[in-house]
Amino acid sequence: MASATLSTTDAPLAPTRPSSREQGDAFARISVVIPVYRSGRWLGDLAQAIADALRPQCRDYEIIFVDDSSPDDTWEEVAALARANPKVKGLHLMSNEGQTKATLCGLAHASGDVVITMDDDFQHAPDEMHKLLAALREHPDIDCVHGCFEEKKHVLYRNLGSRLVHKINERAFRLPRGVTSSGFRAMRRPVVDAVLAHRSLNPALPVLIFGSTRRVMSIPVKHAVRRGGRSNYTLAKQFRLAFDDICNATMAPLRAVSAVGLVACGLSMLLGIYYGVEFAMGNIRQPGFVTIVLLLIFFSGTILLALGIMGEYMARVLREVSRRPLYIVRESAGDFGVSPRD
């Protein structure tokens, strides 16, 4: 196992590899990046299923498991798989950083001409990868193919959260109708390098991908039942992800606050004119206690909302200038053979 490696967002990028089309082979090498968390029991089955699916698709492949600091024996299972199979490699993060940063860590260490990202719970079926690869073959001008799910095996709130995030991305990047983002995707090497070139400490993969290229498409794939365990995506985390996408992709929250402030200012001016006329005509004999209370509540709430949203953006700016690393790799398993691109 390799010694601990510090990965920061300031490290220089390695030279971009020639694209698969320039090499004359559609898919000379494919990398599969999988962030894992508490899933050691079925990783052996997952690695075998991926290997069976990839053998007919390319000359060479690698499977990279990124353990997001699981509290159980998941890393021991990843290391054992890497010792038994040279195609399997593992990265063990020092602390739990979340699925997005774990995926970026895997992308930085991937060497394939095409990189596939997927979940560790079998809901992204390995035998559906050939559909993503076939779409890349049939559309050489497309940089990234997303697998969209006609029927998701999720609870209701997760489906609603996914739709919300999709609408945000659709509006922010003016995506063509019918393009849906998901964690089950295949990307060509130039897109992977472009994603890694971003230096945000609050990354959102759909934002990075759509911000790097508009040559994206989505195709229907099946969504299987989760192999085991429970999903870590609570309702609160879904809202957080949606808010991250909004803040990372657009200035919509600040503009919304500005619009609310403008409307509130206009209403207060009209209300002031109305009460001024009423007072001049002698229709107001006593101070309006209810009116004062309502105005105080309305404007106080508007101010607090504006301060909260501006504070969120300021906190993000502070995190960016602090230059905290996206992740720290505690140890690795398997022979990567290339320098990380992060």
Protein backbone atom coordinates (compact mmCIF):
# COMPACT_ATOMS: atom_id res chain seq x y z
CA MET A 1 0.00 0.00 0.00
CA ALA A 2 1.23 3.46 -0.79
CA SER A 3 1.91 6.08 1.82
CA ALA A 4 -0.55 8.83 2.61
CA THR A 5 -1.00 11.39 -0.15
CA LEU A 6 -2.15 14.98 0.31
CA SER A 7 -4.35 16.11 -2.57
CA THR A 8 -5.00 19.81 -2.93
CA THR A 9 -6.75 21.94 -5.47
CA ASP A 10 -3.51 23.80 -6.31
CA ALA A 11 -1.55 20.86 -7.72
CA PRO A 12 -0.72 21.16 -11.44
CA LEU A 13 -2.62 19.04 -13.88
CA ALA A 14 -0.91 16.27 -15.79
CA PRO A 15 -0.79 16.66 -19.58
CA THR A 16 -4.05 15.69 -21.21
CA ARG A 17 -3.96 12.24 -22.75
CA PRO A 18 -4.83 11.87 -26.44
CA SER A 19 -8.50 11.24 -26.97
CA SER A 20 -9.70 7.75 -27.81
CA ARG A 21 -10.47 8.82 -31.39
CA GLU A 22 -6.94 10.15 -31.84
CA GLN A 23 -5.56 6.78 -30.70
CA GLY A 24 -7.57 4.99 -33.33
CA ASP A 25 -9.35 2.79 -30.80
CA ALA A 26 -12.82 3.73 -29.61
CA PHE A 27 -12.19 2.52 -26.06
CA ALA A 28 -8.61 1.46 -25.53
CA ARG A 29 -8.98 1.76 -21.75
CA ILE A 30 -12.01 2.30 -19.53
CA SER A 31 -11.95 3.40 -15.90
CA VAL A 32 -14.86 2.81 -13.55
CA VAL A 33 -14.91 5.09 -10.49
CA ILE A 34 -17.10 4.05 -7.56
CA PRO A 35 -17.30 5.92 -4.23
CA VAL A 36 -18.07 3.37 -1.52
CA TYR A 37 -19.38 3.67 2.02
CA ARG A 38 -20.35 0.76 4.25
CA SER A 39 -20.69 -1.55 1.26
CA GLY A 40 -17.86 -4.05 1.74
CA ARG A 41 -20.16 -7.07 1.85
CA TRP A 42 -21.05 -6.98 -1.83
CA LEU A 43 -18.07 -5.21 -3.43
CA GLY A 44 -16.66 -8.53 -4.62
CA ASP A 45 -19.88 -9.27 -6.51
CA LEU A 46 -19.90 -5.72 -7.89
CA ALA A 47 -16.32 -5.97 -9.14
CA GLN A 48 -17.08 -9.29 -10.85
CA ALA A 49 -20.23 -7.92 -12.49
CA ILE A 50 -18.32 -4.88 -13.78
CA ALA A 51 -15.52 -7.05 -15.13
CA ASP A 52 -18.00 -9.29 -16.97
CA ALA A 53 -19.66 -6.23 -18.49
CA LEU A 54 -16.43 -4.50 -19.58
CA ARG A 55 -14.45 -7.37 -21.13
CA PRO A 56 -16.32 -7.21 -24.46
CA GLN A 57 -16.16 -3.40 -24.54
CA CYS A 58 -12.45 -2.55 -24.41
CA ARG A 59 -8.89 -3.80 -24.49
CA ASP A 60 -8.14 -2.79 -20.92
CA TYR A 61 -10.01 -1.49 -17.89
CA GLU A 62 -9.63 -0.60 -14.25
CA ILE A 63 -12.05 -0.43 -11.32
CA ILE A 64 -11.33 2.24 -8.72
CA PHE A 65 -13.11 2.00 -5.36
CA VAL A 66 -12.86 5.16 -3.25
CA ASP A 67 -13.69 4.41 0.38
CA ASP A 68 -15.14 7.56 1.92
CA SER A 69 -13.78 6.74 5.38
CA SER A 70 -16.29 3.98 6.14
CA PRO A 71 -16.52 3.14 9.87
CA ASP A 72 -16.72 -0.61 9.17
CA ASP A 73 -14.41 -3.05 7.33
CA THR A 74 -15.15 -1.73 3.83
CA TRP A 75 -11.55 -0.62 3.27
CA GLU A 76 -10.20 -4.04 4.27
CA GLU A 77 -12.46 -5.58 1.64
CA VAL A 78 -11.31 -3.08 -1.00
CA ALA A 79 -7.66 -3.76 -0.19
CA ALA A 80 -8.25 -7.53 -0.38
CA LEU A 81 -9.90 -7.18 -3.79
CA ALA A 82 -6.97 -5.06 -5.03
CA ARG A 83 -4.46 -7.68 -3.87
CA ALA A 84 -6.40 -10.46 -5.60
CA ASN A 85 -7.13 -8.64 -8.87
CA PRO A 86 -4.71 -6.19 -10.58
CA LYS A 87 -7.67 -4.55 -12.32
CA VAL A 88 -9.09 -3.42 -8.98
CA LYS A 89 -7.60 -0.42 -7.18
CA GLY A 90 -8.57 1.36 -4.02
CA LEU A 91 -8.25 4.74 -2.33
CA HIS A 92 -8.96 5.30 1.35
CA LEU A 93 -9.91 8.85 2.34
CA MET A 94 -8.75 10.10 5.71
CA SER A 95 -12.14 11.66 6.55
CA ASN A 96 -15.68 11.43 5.26
CA GLU A 97 -15.94 14.03 2.49
CA GLY A 98 -19.14 13.02 0.70
CA GLN A 99 -19.90 11.28 -2.56
CA THR A 100 -18.93 14.15 -4.86
CA LYS A 101 -15.44 14.66 -3.45
CA ALA A 102 -14.85 10.91 -3.29
CA THR A 103 -15.81 10.68 -6.96
CA LEU A 104 -13.45 13.54 -7.84
CA CYS A 105 -10.66 11.71 -6.02
CA GLY A 106 -11.31 8.65 -8.18
CA LEU A 107 -11.42 10.76 -11.35
CA ALA A 108 -8.06 12.30 -10.46
CA HIS A 109 -6.49 8.84 -10.28
CA ALA A 110 -8.30 7.32 -13.28
CA SER A 111 -6.29 6.73 -16.47
CA GLY A 112 -8.98 5.60 -18.90
CA ASP A 113 -9.88 7.20 -22.21
CA VAL A 114 -13.47 6.87 -21.02
CA VAL A 115 -14.42 7.12 -17.35
CA ILE A 116 -17.67 5.70 -15.96
CA THR A 117 -19.00 6.78 -12.57
CA MET A 118 -21.58 4.75 -10.67
CA ASP A 119 -22.89 3.97 -7.19
CA ASP A 120 -21.83 1.07 -5.02
CA ASP A 121 -25.26 -0.38 -4.25
CA PHE A 122 -26.11 -2.12 -7.57
CA GLN A 123 -28.87 0.40 -8.32
CA HIS A 124 -26.66 1.45 -11.22
CA ALA A 125 -26.64 -1.94 -12.93
CA PRO A 126 -23.23 -2.94 -14.35
CA ASP A 127 -24.87 -4.72 -17.27
CA GLU A 128 -26.31 -1.35 -18.38
CA MET A 129 -22.88 0.18 -18.94
CA HIS A 130 -22.83 -1.07 -22.52
CA LYS A 131 -25.70 1.34 -23.29
CA LEU A 132 -23.62 4.33 -22.17
CA LEU A 133 -20.62 3.15 -24.18
CA ALA A 134 -22.76 2.41 -27.24
CA ALA A 135 -24.13 5.97 -27.10
CA LEU A 136 -20.58 7.37 -27.05
CA ARG A 137 -19.67 5.21 -30.04
CA GLU A 138 -22.73 6.24 -32.00
CA HIS A 139 -22.28 9.95 -31.20
CA PRO A 140 -18.58 10.82 -31.49
CA ASP A 141 -19.40 14.51 -30.94
CA ILE A 142 -20.92 13.81 -27.50
CA ASP A 143 -18.63 14.28 -24.49
CA CYS A 144 -20.76 12.82 -21.70
CA VAL A 145 -23.68 10.37 -21.58
CA HIS A 146 -25.93 10.17 -18.52
CA GLY A 147 -28.08 7.18 -17.72
CA CYS A 148 -31.57 8.40 -16.83
CA PHE A 149 -34.00 6.17 -15.01
CA GLU A 150 -37.54 5.70 -16.26
CA GLU A 151 -38.62 4.25 -12.93
CA LYS A 152 -36.51 4.96 -9.86
CA LYS A 153 -36.42 2.54 -6.95
CA HIS A 154 -36.22 5.38 -4.45
CA VAL A 155 -38.57 6.72 -1.82
CA LEU A 156 -40.81 9.62 -2.81
CA TYR A 157 -38.73 12.43 -1.30
CA ARG A 158 -35.59 11.30 -3.14
CA ASN A 159 -37.43 11.27 -6.45
CA LEU A 160 -38.77 14.77 -5.76
CA GLY A 161 -35.31 15.96 -4.77
CA SER A 162 -33.82 14.57 -7.99
CA ARG A 163 -36.44 16.36 -10.06
CA LEU A 164 -35.72 19.61 -8.26
CA VAL A 165 -31.97 19.33 -8.90
CA HIS A 166 -32.67 18.52 -12.56
CA LYS A 167 -34.86 21.60 -12.95
CA ILE A 168 -32.15 23.74 -11.38
CA ASN A 169 -29.50 22.43 -13.76
CA GLU A 170 -31.87 22.74 -16.72
CA ARG A 171 -32.56 26.40 -16.01
CA ALA A 172 -28.99 27.31 -15.00
CA PHE A 173 -27.30 25.80 -18.05
CA ARG A 174 -30.15 26.04 -20.58
CA LEU A 175 -29.87 22.33 -21.28
CA PRO A 176 -31.71 20.81 -24.22
CA ARG A 177 -35.04 19.29 -23.30
CA GLY A 178 -34.75 15.63 -22.41
CA VAL A 179 -31.22 15.82 -20.96
CA THR A 180 -31.22 14.48 -17.40
CA SER A 181 -28.27 14.28 -15.03
CA SER A 182 -27.47 11.25 -12.88
CA GLY A 183 -24.53 9.69 -11.07
CA PHE A 184 -24.45 6.89 -13.66
CA ARG A 185 -22.47 8.48 -16.50
CA ALA A 186 -19.72 7.90 -19.04
CA MET A 187 -17.30 10.74 -19.84
CA ARG A 188 -14.56 11.11 -22.39
CA ARG A 189 -11.09 12.02 -21.14
CA PRO A 190 -11.20 15.73 -22.13
CA VAL A 191 -14.33 16.21 -19.99
CA VAL A 192 -12.70 14.49 -17.02
CA ASP A 193 -9.65 16.75 -17.33
CA ALA A 194 -11.91 19.81 -17.61
CA VAL A 195 -13.83 18.82 -14.47
CA LEU A 196 -10.59 18.33 -12.54
CA ALA A 197 -9.35 21.75 -13.67
CA HIS A 198 -12.04 23.45 -11.56
CA ARG A 199 -10.83 24.57 -8.14
CA SER A 200 -14.07 24.93 -6.20
CA LEU A 201 -14.11 23.61 -2.64
CA ASN A 202 -17.90 23.19 -2.92
CA PRO A 203 -18.03 21.01 -6.02
CA ALA A 204 -21.19 19.64 -7.59
CA LEU A 205 -20.44 17.22 -10.42
CA PRO A 206 -23.42 18.13 -12.62
CA VAL A 207 -22.44 21.79 -12.34
CA LEU A 208 -18.81 21.02 -13.23
CA ILE A 209 -19.78 18.83 -16.18
CA PHE A 210 -22.44 21.12 -17.62
CA GLY A 211 -20.16 24.09 -17.03
CA SER A 212 -17.39 22.39 -19.04
CA THR A 213 -19.35 21.12 -22.03
CA ARG A 214 -22.79 21.36 -23.54
CA ARG A 215 -22.29 18.24 -25.64
CA VAL A 216 -24.19 15.99 -23.26
CA MET A 217 -27.04 13.56 -23.69
CA SER A 218 -29.01 11.10 -21.59
CA ILE A 219 -30.36 7.66 -22.41
CA PRO A 220 -32.82 5.45 -20.52
CA VAL A 221 -31.37 2.70 -18.35
CA LYS A 222 -32.93 0.47 -15.73
CA HIS A 223 -32.73 1.32 -12.03
CA ALA A 224 -32.33 -1.77 -9.87
CA VAL A 225 -33.26 -2.37 -6.24
CA ARG A 226 -30.56 -1.48 -3.71
CA ARG A 227 -28.42 -4.51 -2.82
CA GLY A 228 -28.28 -3.81 0.91
CA GLY A 229 -28.06 -1.21 3.64
CA ARG A 230 -29.85 2.12 3.71
CA SER A 231 -29.32 5.20 1.61
CA ASN A 232 -27.41 8.06 3.24
CA TYR A 233 -29.43 10.65 1.31
CA THR A 234 -31.86 12.03 3.85
CA LEU A 235 -34.43 14.68 3.02
CA ALA A 236 -32.19 17.33 4.60
CA LYS A 237 -29.23 16.22 2.46
CA GLN A 238 -31.38 16.36 -0.68
CA PHE A 239 -32.30 19.97 0.06
CA ARG A 240 -28.67 20.75 0.80
CA LEU A 241 -27.56 19.30 -2.52
CA ALA A 242 -30.23 21.30 -4.32
CA PHE A 243 -29.12 24.48 -2.56
CA ASP A 244 -25.46 23.74 -3.41
CA ASP A 245 -26.40 23.36 -7.07
CA ILE A 246 -28.27 26.67 -6.97
CA CYS A 247 -25.38 28.56 -5.35
CA ASN A 248 -22.65 26.91 -7.44
CA ALA A 249 -24.42 27.27 -10.75
CA THR A 250 -26.13 30.64 -10.54
CA MET A 251 -26.54 33.88 -8.63
CA ALA A 252 -30.27 33.20 -8.44
CA PRO A 253 -30.59 33.44 -4.61
CA LEU A 254 -28.98 36.88 -4.49
CA ARG A 255 -31.05 38.05 -7.44
CA ALA A 256 -34.19 36.69 -5.80
CA VAL A 257 -33.41 38.62 -2.62
CA SER A 258 -32.83 41.75 -4.70
CA ALA A 259 -36.20 41.24 -6.39
CA VAL A 260 -37.93 40.70 -3.04
CA GLY A 261 -36.28 43.87 -1.69
CA LEU A 262 -37.39 45.84 -4.74
CA VAL A 263 -40.97 44.61 -4.42
CA ALA A 264 -40.97 45.31 -0.69
CA CYS A 265 -39.66 48.82 -1.30
CA GLY A 266 -42.37 49.47 -3.89
CA LEU A 267 -45.11 48.15 -1.61
CA SER A 268 -43.87 50.23 1.32
CA MET A 269 -43.90 53.37 -0.85
CA LEU A 270 -47.47 52.67 -2.00
CA LEU A 271 -48.51 51.93 1.56
CA GLY A 272 -46.89 55.18 2.73
CA ILE A 273 -48.74 57.16 0.04
CA TYR A 274 -52.02 55.48 0.96
CA TYR A 275 -51.72 56.24 4.68
CA GLY A 276 -50.51 59.78 3.91
CA VAL A 277 -53.63 60.46 1.86
CA GLU A 278 -55.83 58.84 4.51
CA PHE A 279 -54.22 60.99 7.23
CA ALA A 280 -54.61 64.21 5.17
CA MET A 281 -58.30 63.42 4.64
CA GLY A 282 -58.78 62.90 8.37
CA ASN A 283 -59.70 59.25 8.09
CA ILE A 284 -56.96 58.11 10.47
CA ARG A 285 -57.59 59.16 14.04
CA GLN A 286 -55.51 56.56 15.93
CA PRO A 287 -52.17 54.94 15.18
CA GLY A 288 -52.50 51.62 13.37
CA PHE A 289 -50.95 49.12 15.75
CA VAL A 290 -51.71 46.12 13.51
CA THR A 291 -50.22 47.84 10.48
CA ILE A 292 -47.01 48.63 12.31
CA VAL A 293 -46.64 45.06 13.56
CA LEU A 294 -47.25 43.59 10.11
CA LEU A 295 -44.72 45.94 8.52
CA LEU A 296 -42.11 45.15 11.14
CA ILE A 297 -42.58 41.42 10.66
CA PHE A 298 -42.45 41.67 6.88
CA PHE A 299 -39.35 43.84 6.61
CA SER A 300 -37.52 42.10 9.46
CA GLY A 301 -38.10 38.74 7.78
CA THR A 302 -36.94 40.10 4.42
CA ILE A 303 -33.77 41.54 5.96
CA LEU A 304 -32.96 38.32 7.82
CA LEU A 305 -33.51 36.29 4.64
CA ALA A 306 -31.19 38.58 2.70
CA LEU A 307 -28.52 38.45 5.41
CA GLY A 308 -28.74 34.66 5.55
CA ILE A 309 -28.26 34.21 1.81
CA MET A 310 -25.44 36.75 1.65
CA GLY A 311 -23.85 35.05 4.65
CA GLU A 312 -23.97 31.70 2.81
CA TYR A 313 -22.11 33.20 -0.14
CA MET A 314 -19.57 34.85 2.17
CA ALA A 315 -18.97 31.53 3.94
CA ARG A 316 -18.32 29.89 0.57
CA VAL A 317 -15.86 32.64 -0.34
CA LEU A 318 -14.03 32.14 2.96
CA ARG A 319 -13.81 28.39 2.36
CA GLU A 320 -12.43 28.99 -1.12
CA VAL A 321 -9.68 31.39 0.02
CA SER A 322 -8.71 29.07 2.92
CA ARG A 323 -7.39 26.59 0.29
CA ARG A 324 -8.45 23.56 2.29
CA PRO A 325 -7.78 20.35 0.31
CA LEU A 326 -10.79 18.65 -1.22
CA TYR A 327 -9.72 15.36 0.33
CA ILE A 328 -6.72 13.59 1.83
CA VAL A 329 -5.89 10.05 0.75
CA ARG A 330 -4.82 8.00 3.76
CA GLU A 331 -3.59 5.03 1.74
CA SER A 332 -4.04 3.33 -1.57
CA ALA A 333 -4.24 -0.26 -2.77
CA GLY A 334 -3.21 -1.52 -6.18
CA ASP A 335 -0.81 -0.16 -8.77
CA PHE A 336 -2.17 3.05 -10.27
CA GLY A 337 0.90 3.60 -12.42
CA VAL A 338 0.07 7.24 -13.26
CA SER A 339 0.32 10.52 -11.44
CA PRO A 340 -2.96 11.84 -10.03
CA ARG A 341 -4.46 14.72 -11.98
CA ASP A 342 -5.74 16.71 -9.02
